């Protein structure tokens, strides 16, 4: 559902992404790990058409994002580190607004309220102004927007950064719900525990290249940490 074919991005003299080849299928959560500047966010931005590729293709289904960005975005939902919502509106009003923008038609409020409840908000909280929401509550509205849109693919850029452990665990549960519905999910994170707990596959990026891809069924938390550290802090020869 999400595919990068020799995808590259250069900013002047800096190669931010170097011939990335990646495929995320329906019902899969692929977590991109790596230090700052490894190319994780650049990858997300290329799938969103926020920046243009220097080479290769970013595909959503069979749609080339650069050639048909509007068509590609019909199938996408994006949840950044901080979900931007209208503070003067309630969670339900925000959901109704963004769902209408995405679908071109209004959905019944009771259906939208049910989506917010499924995302973990109480009915009372859904009717409160978003200006009083915690970051975790905002992320739940973001999940509800993706569900309302029936997005086939989710792009998430450090979505659990700054969340407490309980909120991060709740968010992982919501992603599992989206995965079980057949969504293809590509998520960047610095959190190795989250990647192991939530992902079906993990990719480790370094200096714009995908240097390792692992199935989370094949590695434990300690194994993943060791592999990650070996990539970024290789042991010196004795």
Foldseek 3Di string as FASTA:
>chain_A
DKWWALWWADDVPATQAGGDTDDFFWLFEEEEAEDPSLNQVVVLCCLQVVDDTPDTFIDQPNDTCVVCVPVSCLQEAEAEQAQDFDQAFFLLVRLQVLLCVSPVDGDDSVVLLVLLVVLPDDSVRRRDGCVPDDRLSSVSSSLSSCVSSVHQEYEYEANCVPPDPVSLVSVLVSVSVSSVVTHGYYYYHNDLVSCLVRGQKYFYGGSNYGDDIGGSVVDDSVRSVVVNCCVVPNDDDD
